[in-house]
N, C-alpha and C. Protein backbone atom coordinates (compact mmCIF):
# COMPACT_ATOMS: atom_id res chain seq x y z
N UNK A 1 -8.12 17.59 14.73
CA UNK A 1 -7.16 16.79 14.00
C UNK A 1 -7.65 15.34 13.96
N UNK A 2 -7.58 14.75 12.82
CA UNK A 2 -7.92 13.33 12.67
C UNK A 2 -6.66 12.51 12.89
N UNK A 3 -6.77 11.49 13.73
CA UNK A 3 -5.64 10.58 13.97
C UNK A 3 -6.10 9.15 13.71
N UNK A 4 -5.15 8.31 13.40
CA UNK A 4 -5.44 6.92 13.07
C UNK A 4 -4.97 5.95 14.15
N UNK A 5 -4.84 6.44 15.36
CA UNK A 5 -4.41 5.61 16.47
C UNK A 5 -5.31 4.39 16.69
N UNK A 6 -6.64 4.54 16.59
CA UNK A 6 -7.49 3.36 16.78
C UNK A 6 -7.24 2.24 15.77
N UNK A 7 -6.75 2.60 14.59
CA UNK A 7 -6.48 1.59 13.55
C UNK A 7 -5.56 0.50 14.05
N UNK A 8 -4.50 0.90 14.73
CA UNK A 8 -3.49 -0.08 15.13
C UNK A 8 -4.01 -1.01 16.22
N UNK A 9 -4.88 -0.52 17.08
CA UNK A 9 -5.51 -1.38 18.09
C UNK A 9 -6.47 -2.35 17.40
N UNK A 10 -7.22 -1.86 16.42
CA UNK A 10 -8.14 -2.72 15.67
C UNK A 10 -7.37 -3.80 14.92
N UNK A 11 -6.26 -3.41 14.30
CA UNK A 11 -5.44 -4.40 13.58
C UNK A 11 -4.92 -5.46 14.55
N UNK A 12 -4.48 -5.03 15.72
CA UNK A 12 -3.98 -5.97 16.72
C UNK A 12 -5.07 -6.95 17.13
N UNK A 13 -6.27 -6.43 17.39
CA UNK A 13 -7.40 -7.29 17.79
C UNK A 13 -7.76 -8.29 16.70
N UNK A 14 -7.63 -7.86 15.43
CA UNK A 14 -7.99 -8.73 14.30
C UNK A 14 -6.84 -9.63 13.87
N UNK A 15 -5.66 -9.40 14.44
CA UNK A 15 -4.50 -10.22 14.07
C UNK A 15 -3.98 -9.92 12.68
N UNK A 16 -4.10 -8.66 12.26
CA UNK A 16 -3.64 -8.26 10.93
C UNK A 16 -2.49 -7.26 11.08
N UNK A 17 -1.40 -7.53 10.39
CA UNK A 17 -0.23 -6.66 10.44
C UNK A 17 -0.21 -5.73 9.22
N UNK A 18 0.65 -4.73 9.27
CA UNK A 18 0.80 -3.87 8.09
C UNK A 18 1.35 -4.68 6.92
N UNK A 19 2.20 -5.66 7.21
CA UNK A 19 2.72 -6.54 6.16
C UNK A 19 1.57 -7.25 5.45
N UNK A 20 0.61 -7.75 6.21
CA UNK A 20 -0.53 -8.45 5.61
C UNK A 20 -1.40 -7.49 4.80
N UNK A 21 -1.58 -6.26 5.29
CA UNK A 21 -2.35 -5.28 4.53
C UNK A 21 -1.71 -5.03 3.17
N UNK A 22 -0.40 -4.91 3.17
CA UNK A 22 0.32 -4.64 1.92
C UNK A 22 0.33 -5.87 1.01
N UNK A 23 0.68 -7.02 1.56
CA UNK A 23 0.89 -8.23 0.76
C UNK A 23 -0.41 -8.89 0.30
N UNK A 24 -1.37 -9.01 1.20
CA UNK A 24 -2.58 -9.78 0.89
C UNK A 24 -3.80 -8.95 0.52
N UNK A 25 -3.77 -7.66 0.87
CA UNK A 25 -4.94 -6.83 0.62
C UNK A 25 -4.68 -5.67 -0.33
N UNK A 26 -3.46 -5.57 -0.85
CA UNK A 26 -3.15 -4.56 -1.86
C UNK A 26 -3.06 -3.14 -1.35
N UNK A 27 -2.88 -2.96 -0.05
CA UNK A 27 -2.72 -1.61 0.50
C UNK A 27 -1.30 -1.15 0.17
N UNK A 28 -1.18 0.08 -0.32
CA UNK A 28 0.14 0.57 -0.73
C UNK A 28 0.97 0.99 0.49
N UNK A 29 2.28 0.93 0.30
CA UNK A 29 3.19 1.40 1.36
C UNK A 29 2.99 2.89 1.60
N UNK A 30 2.66 3.60 0.55
CA UNK A 30 2.39 5.04 0.67
C UNK A 30 1.22 5.32 1.59
N UNK A 31 0.17 4.50 1.47
CA UNK A 31 -0.99 4.68 2.34
C UNK A 31 -0.62 4.37 3.79
N UNK A 32 0.14 3.32 4.00
CA UNK A 32 0.59 2.98 5.35
C UNK A 32 1.36 4.16 5.94
N UNK A 33 2.21 4.78 5.13
CA UNK A 33 2.97 5.94 5.57
C UNK A 33 2.05 7.11 5.93
N UNK A 34 1.03 7.34 5.10
CA UNK A 34 0.07 8.42 5.38
C UNK A 34 -0.64 8.17 6.70
N UNK A 35 -1.03 6.94 6.95
CA UNK A 35 -1.72 6.59 8.20
C UNK A 35 -0.80 6.80 9.40
N UNK A 36 0.45 6.38 9.27
CA UNK A 36 1.41 6.52 10.38
C UNK A 36 1.65 7.98 10.73
N UNK A 37 1.55 8.86 9.74
CA UNK A 37 1.81 10.28 9.97
C UNK A 37 0.53 11.11 10.06
N UNK A 38 -0.61 10.45 10.25
CA UNK A 38 -1.91 11.12 10.42
C UNK A 38 -2.21 12.11 9.31
N UNK A 39 -1.90 11.71 8.08
CA UNK A 39 -2.21 12.55 6.93
C UNK A 39 -3.57 12.15 6.36
N UNK A 40 -4.12 13.00 5.53
CA UNK A 40 -5.46 12.79 4.99
C UNK A 40 -5.55 11.53 4.11
N UNK A 41 -6.69 10.85 4.22
CA UNK A 41 -7.02 9.75 3.33
C UNK A 41 -8.43 10.00 2.81
N UNK A 42 -8.80 9.32 1.74
CA UNK A 42 -10.14 9.50 1.18
C UNK A 42 -11.14 8.62 1.92
N UNK A 43 -12.42 8.95 1.74
CA UNK A 43 -13.46 8.11 2.33
C UNK A 43 -13.51 6.75 1.64
N UNK A 44 -13.09 6.69 0.40
CA UNK A 44 -13.01 5.41 -0.31
C UNK A 44 -11.98 4.52 0.39
N UNK A 45 -10.85 5.09 0.75
CA UNK A 45 -9.80 4.34 1.46
C UNK A 45 -10.30 3.92 2.82
N UNK A 46 -10.99 4.81 3.52
CA UNK A 46 -11.56 4.47 4.82
C UNK A 46 -12.54 3.30 4.68
N UNK A 47 -13.36 3.35 3.65
CA UNK A 47 -14.30 2.26 3.37
C UNK A 47 -13.56 0.95 3.11
N UNK A 48 -12.50 1.02 2.32
CA UNK A 48 -11.71 -0.18 2.02
C UNK A 48 -11.10 -0.78 3.30
N UNK A 49 -10.56 0.08 4.16
CA UNK A 49 -9.99 -0.42 5.42
C UNK A 49 -11.07 -1.03 6.32
N UNK A 50 -12.25 -0.41 6.35
CA UNK A 50 -13.36 -0.98 7.13
C UNK A 50 -13.75 -2.36 6.60
N UNK A 51 -13.75 -2.50 5.29
CA UNK A 51 -14.09 -3.79 4.67
C UNK A 51 -13.03 -4.83 5.01
N UNK A 52 -11.77 -4.48 4.86
CA UNK A 52 -10.68 -5.41 5.14
C UNK A 52 -10.69 -5.85 6.60
N UNK A 53 -10.89 -4.89 7.50
CA UNK A 53 -10.82 -5.19 8.94
C UNK A 53 -12.17 -5.56 9.55
N UNK A 54 -13.22 -5.50 8.72
CA UNK A 54 -14.57 -5.80 9.20
C UNK A 54 -14.88 -4.99 10.46
N UNK A 55 -14.80 -3.66 10.31
CA UNK A 55 -15.00 -2.78 11.45
C UNK A 55 -15.73 -1.51 11.02
N UNK A 56 -15.98 -0.65 12.00
CA UNK A 56 -16.64 0.63 11.77
C UNK A 56 -15.57 1.73 11.67
N UNK A 57 -15.89 2.87 11.04
CA UNK A 57 -14.90 3.95 10.89
C UNK A 57 -14.28 4.41 12.21
N UNK A 58 -15.06 4.44 13.29
CA UNK A 58 -14.52 4.89 14.57
C UNK A 58 -13.49 3.92 15.16
N UNK A 59 -13.37 2.75 14.57
CA UNK A 59 -12.34 1.81 14.98
C UNK A 59 -11.04 2.03 14.18
N UNK A 60 -11.08 3.02 13.28
CA UNK A 60 -9.91 3.36 12.47
C UNK A 60 -9.45 4.79 12.73
N UNK A 61 -10.40 5.71 12.84
CA UNK A 61 -10.05 7.12 13.02
C UNK A 61 -10.61 7.66 14.33
N UNK A 62 -9.96 8.71 14.82
CA UNK A 62 -10.45 9.44 15.99
C UNK A 62 -10.24 10.93 15.73
N UNK A 63 -11.12 11.73 16.30
CA UNK A 63 -11.01 13.18 16.18
C UNK A 63 -10.50 13.74 17.50
N UNK A 64 -9.44 14.51 17.42
CA UNK A 64 -8.90 15.20 18.59
C UNK A 64 -8.98 16.69 18.27
N UNK A 65 -9.78 17.43 19.04
CA UNK A 65 -9.91 18.87 18.76
C UNK A 65 -8.56 19.59 18.85
N UNK A 66 -8.37 20.55 17.95
CA UNK A 66 -7.18 21.40 18.02
C UNK A 66 -7.30 22.29 19.25
N UNK A 67 -6.19 22.78 19.73
CA UNK A 67 -6.22 23.65 20.89
C UNK A 67 -6.91 24.97 20.54
N UNK A 68 -7.44 25.63 21.53
CA UNK A 68 -8.13 26.90 21.32
C UNK A 68 -7.18 27.93 20.73
N UNK A 69 -5.92 27.93 21.16
CA UNK A 69 -4.96 28.88 20.63
C UNK A 69 -4.77 28.70 19.13
N UNK A 70 -4.73 27.47 18.69
CA UNK A 70 -4.55 27.19 17.26
C UNK A 70 -5.75 27.69 16.47
N UNK A 71 -6.95 27.49 16.99
CA UNK A 71 -8.16 27.90 16.30
C UNK A 71 -8.24 29.43 16.19
N UNK A 72 -7.78 30.15 17.21
CA UNK A 72 -7.83 31.61 17.20
C UNK A 72 -6.84 32.17 16.17
N UNK A 73 -5.69 31.55 16.00
CA UNK A 73 -4.69 32.02 15.06
C UNK A 73 -5.15 31.94 13.62
N UNK A 74 -6.03 31.03 13.30
CA UNK A 74 -6.50 30.84 11.94
C UNK A 74 -7.41 31.93 11.58
């Protein structure tokens, strides 16, 4: 599972709020909602966030393996 938990730490370190992303950088409220709920985003969006925050992708996303039980059920 991809999660965006590192994004919020990176934003805190850079002094950028979600309000600033929306107001000054043109990030949509819908995208903020997708990030908060760990939903899929495009690599273009990931690139845009990296540009805005001047960071690497691993400072925005993290991979958490699904449990073995979940993988067997699929």
